[in-house]
Amino acid sequence: MKKIIIIFALLSINSFPQWNTGAVKLGYFNPSAADGGFIIGFEGGRHFDKYMSWNWSVDWFHSNYVDKRLVSELNEFYPGTVGEINELRASTNIHDFPVMLGITARFPLSNRAQFYATGSIGAEMLIINYRNFQNPAQDEFETAFDFNWRVGVGAAFAVSPRSEFFGEITYHESHPSWTYEDNQYYYPNSVLERSYNMSGFMTRAGIRFFY
């Protein structure tokens, strides 16, 4: 009898299926350094508990904008320069790729609806296409990196036993940067750092599948 009870207990402990998950997310991201725009991402994960899961994600964000902060700095240091030229010099095209690893906790609201909170950390690669200072018609390319973190909350509604629709709001923090030398000595210090504040809020919705 004791053996039967032990076997039943072991089966109960392992009765929760170790679901793998995959989700496609679409939404709007508004970082401090750039104009807001469309962001798309994929998230994979695995439940280690009925309401807890590990997850990983990769996102892509693109923005083509005029760096107002850089325009202000150029106008300050070179007051005789035509404003339109400085705006052309500050024209920036970025592609941002955050890669995250995190954990999600779920809190049931009903049989089909759940609230969840998530947190993650990772790394970020920012590809920048910007204008050459001497020849603003010429493009320059650079890649910047940084560590990042993200926290968010959301709600999910089951549309079938193996899928759900969800919406979430998230705060993302990162400051990718790179250093370079000003060989023309336009500034007092010839070794300069250019940083992009990619911190901001994003709102997204998507579909998650369980398998």
Protein backbone atom coordinates (compact mmCIF):
# COMPACT_ATOMS: atom_id res chain seq x y z
CA MET A 1 0.00 0.00 0.00
CA LYS A 2 2.85 2.37 0.88
CA LYS A 3 4.50 1.72 -2.51
CA ILE A 4 1.27 2.57 -4.31
CA ILE A 5 1.00 5.90 -2.45
CA ILE A 6 4.62 6.77 -3.34
CA ILE A 7 4.09 5.97 -7.02
CA PHE A 8 0.89 8.03 -7.09
CA ALA A 9 2.71 10.99 -5.50
CA LEU A 10 5.51 10.84 -8.07
CA LEU A 11 2.99 10.75 -10.91
CA SER A 12 1.20 13.75 -9.42
CA ILE A 13 4.42 15.76 -9.20
CA ASN A 14 5.24 15.07 -12.84
CA SER A 15 1.70 15.35 -14.18
CA PHE A 16 2.22 18.93 -15.44
CA PRO A 17 3.32 18.77 -19.08
CA GLN A 18 6.57 20.63 -19.82
CA TRP A 19 5.09 22.88 -22.50
CA ASN A 20 7.35 24.57 -24.99
CA THR A 21 6.07 27.92 -26.24
CA GLY A 22 6.55 30.10 -29.29
CA ALA A 23 5.15 33.59 -29.78
CA VAL A 24 5.14 36.26 -32.47
CA LYS A 25 4.91 39.84 -31.18
CA LEU A 26 4.05 43.00 -33.12
CA GLY A 27 3.86 46.50 -31.70
CA TYR A 28 5.15 50.03 -31.23
CA PHE A 29 8.44 51.04 -29.58
CA ASN A 30 9.30 54.63 -28.59
CA PRO A 31 12.99 54.88 -27.56
CA SER A 32 14.45 58.17 -26.32
CA ALA A 33 17.13 58.39 -29.02
CA ALA A 34 14.91 57.94 -32.07
CA ASP A 35 11.45 58.44 -33.43
CA GLY A 36 8.98 55.76 -32.37
CA GLY A 37 8.11 53.01 -34.79
CA PHE A 38 7.21 49.42 -35.56
CA ILE A 39 8.87 46.56 -33.65
CA ILE A 40 8.57 42.85 -34.38
CA GLY A 41 9.85 39.97 -32.29
CA PHE A 42 9.82 36.25 -31.64
CA GLU A 43 9.79 34.68 -28.19
CA GLY A 44 10.44 31.06 -27.31
CA GLY A 45 10.13 29.45 -23.90
CA ARG A 46 9.48 26.45 -21.72
CA HIS A 47 7.19 26.04 -18.74
CA PHE A 48 8.87 24.50 -15.70
CA ASP A 49 5.70 25.03 -13.62
CA LYS A 50 2.05 25.54 -14.42
CA TYR A 51 2.40 29.30 -13.98
CA MET A 52 6.15 29.86 -14.45
CA SER A 53 8.31 29.73 -17.57
CA TRP A 54 11.78 30.53 -18.85
CA ASN A 55 11.87 32.44 -22.12
CA TRP A 56 14.21 33.90 -24.70
CA SER A 57 13.45 36.52 -27.32
CA VAL A 58 14.90 38.43 -30.25
CA ASP A 59 13.42 41.66 -31.65
CA TRP A 60 13.97 43.99 -34.59
CA PHE A 61 13.30 47.72 -34.49
CA HIS A 62 13.99 50.19 -37.31
CA SER A 63 13.85 53.99 -37.37
CA ASN A 64 14.94 56.63 -39.88
CA TYR A 65 15.12 60.04 -38.18
CA VAL A 66 17.04 63.30 -37.65
CA ASP A 67 19.07 63.26 -34.42
CA LYS A 68 17.83 66.50 -32.80
CA ARG A 69 20.43 66.32 -30.02
CA LEU A 70 23.25 66.10 -32.56
CA VAL A 71 21.76 69.00 -34.56
CA SER A 72 21.75 71.11 -31.40
CA GLU A 73 25.39 70.25 -30.66
CA LEU A 74 26.48 71.00 -34.23
CA ASN A 75 24.64 74.33 -34.22
CA GLU A 76 26.36 75.20 -30.92
CA PHE A 77 29.88 74.30 -32.00
CA TYR A 78 29.54 75.57 -35.58
CA PRO A 79 27.16 78.55 -35.45
CA GLY A 80 28.12 79.70 -38.94
CA THR A 81 27.01 76.45 -40.55
CA VAL A 82 23.75 76.40 -42.49
CA GLY A 83 21.09 74.67 -40.37
CA GLU A 84 19.92 72.45 -43.21
CA ILE A 85 23.44 71.02 -43.58
CA ASN A 86 23.59 70.13 -39.89
CA GLU A 87 20.18 68.44 -40.14
CA LEU A 88 21.48 66.42 -43.09
CA ARG A 89 24.58 65.51 -41.06
CA ALA A 90 22.32 64.33 -38.24
CA SER A 91 20.15 62.14 -40.49
CA THR A 92 20.31 58.67 -38.95
CA ASN A 93 19.02 55.23 -39.92
CA ILE A 94 19.16 52.56 -37.19
CA HIS A 95 18.40 48.84 -36.91
CA ASP A 96 18.17 47.60 -33.33
CA PHE A 97 18.41 43.90 -32.35
CA PRO A 98 17.86 43.14 -28.62
CA VAL A 99 18.40 39.51 -27.52
CA MET A 100 16.89 38.67 -24.12
CA LEU A 101 16.68 35.82 -21.58
CA GLY A 102 14.05 36.04 -18.85
CA ILE A 103 11.32 34.57 -16.71
CA THR A 104 7.53 34.97 -16.72
CA ALA A 105 5.05 34.46 -13.88
CA ARG A 106 1.33 33.98 -14.61
CA PHE A 107 -1.67 34.75 -12.41
CA PRO A 108 -5.04 33.26 -13.47
CA LEU A 109 -8.02 35.61 -13.76
CA SER A 110 -10.49 33.00 -15.04
CA ASN A 111 -10.48 29.64 -16.80
CA ARG A 112 -9.29 31.27 -20.03
CA ALA A 113 -7.72 34.59 -18.98
CA GLN A 114 -4.43 35.24 -17.21
CA PHE A 115 -2.41 38.23 -16.08
CA TYR A 116 1.38 37.90 -16.29
CA ALA A 117 4.57 39.75 -15.30
CA THR A 118 7.91 39.27 -16.99
CA GLY A 119 11.51 40.37 -16.56
CA SER A 120 14.58 39.74 -18.69
CA ILE A 121 18.20 40.70 -19.31
CA GLY A 122 20.38 40.39 -22.37
CA ALA A 123 22.52 42.14 -24.95
CA GLU A 124 21.81 44.52 -27.79
CA MET A 125 23.31 45.23 -31.20
CA LEU A 126 22.57 48.56 -32.86
CA ILE A 127 23.47 49.05 -36.54
CA ILE A 128 23.73 52.74 -37.43
CA ASN A 129 23.78 54.30 -40.89
CA TYR A 130 24.73 57.96 -40.46
CA ARG A 131 26.16 60.83 -42.55
CA ASN A 132 29.81 61.71 -43.01
CA PHE A 133 30.60 65.06 -41.36
CA GLN A 134 32.67 66.46 -44.24
CA ASN A 135 30.46 65.07 -46.98
CA PRO A 136 26.86 64.73 -45.69
CA ALA A 137 25.81 63.01 -48.92
CA GLN A 138 28.07 60.08 -48.01
CA ASP A 139 26.86 57.34 -45.66
CA GLU A 140 28.88 55.85 -42.81
CA PHE A 141 28.15 52.58 -40.98
CA GLU A 142 28.84 51.68 -37.38
CA THR A 143 27.79 48.97 -34.91
CA ALA A 144 27.19 49.65 -31.21
CA PHE A 145 26.63 47.19 -28.35
CA ASP A 146 25.32 47.25 -24.80
CA PHE A 147 23.78 45.08 -22.10
CA ASN A 148 20.05 45.61 -21.55
CA TRP A 149 17.14 44.75 -19.29
CA ARG A 150 13.37 44.74 -19.64
CA VAL A 151 10.30 44.47 -17.38
CA GLY A 152 6.67 44.24 -18.41
CA VAL A 153 3.13 43.18 -17.67
CA GLY A 154 0.42 41.74 -19.87
CA ALA A 155 -2.78 39.77 -20.18
CA ALA A 156 -3.47 36.61 -22.16
CA PHE A 157 -6.71 34.99 -23.34
CA ALA A 158 -6.85 31.37 -24.50
CA VAL A 159 -8.32 30.90 -27.99
CA SER A 160 -7.73 27.12 -28.00
CA PRO A 161 -6.09 24.49 -25.77
CA ARG A 162 -2.76 25.14 -27.55
CA SER A 163 -2.84 28.88 -28.32
CA GLU A 164 -3.58 32.26 -26.77
CA PHE A 165 -3.85 35.91 -27.75
CA PHE A 166 -1.99 38.41 -25.57
CA GLY A 167 -1.21 42.10 -25.16
CA GLU A 168 1.55 43.65 -23.08
CA ILE A 169 3.33 46.87 -22.14
CA THR A 170 7.07 46.79 -21.47
CA TYR A 171 9.85 49.12 -20.42
CA HIS A 172 13.21 48.52 -22.13
CA GLU A 173 16.56 49.94 -20.93
CA SER A 174 19.80 50.12 -22.96
CA HIS A 175 22.44 52.63 -24.15
CA PRO A 176 24.46 51.18 -27.07
CA SER A 177 27.56 53.24 -27.84
CA TRP A 178 30.92 53.28 -29.60
CA THR A 179 34.08 55.38 -29.41
CA TYR A 180 35.88 57.02 -32.31
CA GLU A 181 38.65 59.52 -32.99
CA ASP A 182 38.09 62.99 -34.39
CA ASN A 183 41.16 63.19 -36.63
CA GLN A 184 40.27 66.74 -37.62
CA TYR A 185 40.28 67.93 -33.97
CA TYR A 186 36.92 69.63 -34.18
CA TYR A 187 36.44 68.99 -30.47
CA PRO A 188 38.85 69.55 -27.55
CA ASN A 189 39.09 65.81 -26.96
CA SER A 190 39.92 63.79 -30.07
CA VAL A 191 38.57 60.49 -28.61
CA LEU A 192 34.78 60.74 -28.57
CA GLU A 193 31.91 58.45 -27.59
CA ARG A 194 28.57 58.42 -29.34
CA SER A 195 25.74 56.88 -27.33
CA TYR A 196 22.17 56.06 -28.29
CA ASN A 197 19.58 56.00 -25.53
CA MET A 198 17.38 53.11 -26.67
CA SER A 199 15.37 53.14 -23.43
CA GLY A 200 11.63 53.50 -23.65
CA PHE A 201 8.22 51.87 -23.55
CA MET A 202 6.84 49.39 -26.04
CA THR A 203 3.29 48.11 -26.45
CA ARG A 204 2.78 44.83 -28.27
CA ALA A 205 0.24 42.15 -29.08
CA GLY A 206 0.62 38.68 -30.48
CA ILE A 207 -0.22 35.00 -30.61
CA ARG A 208 1.48 32.36 -28.45
CA PHE A 209 1.46 28.62 -29.24
CA PHE A 210 2.06 25.71 -26.87
CA TYR A 211 3.56 22.42 -28.06
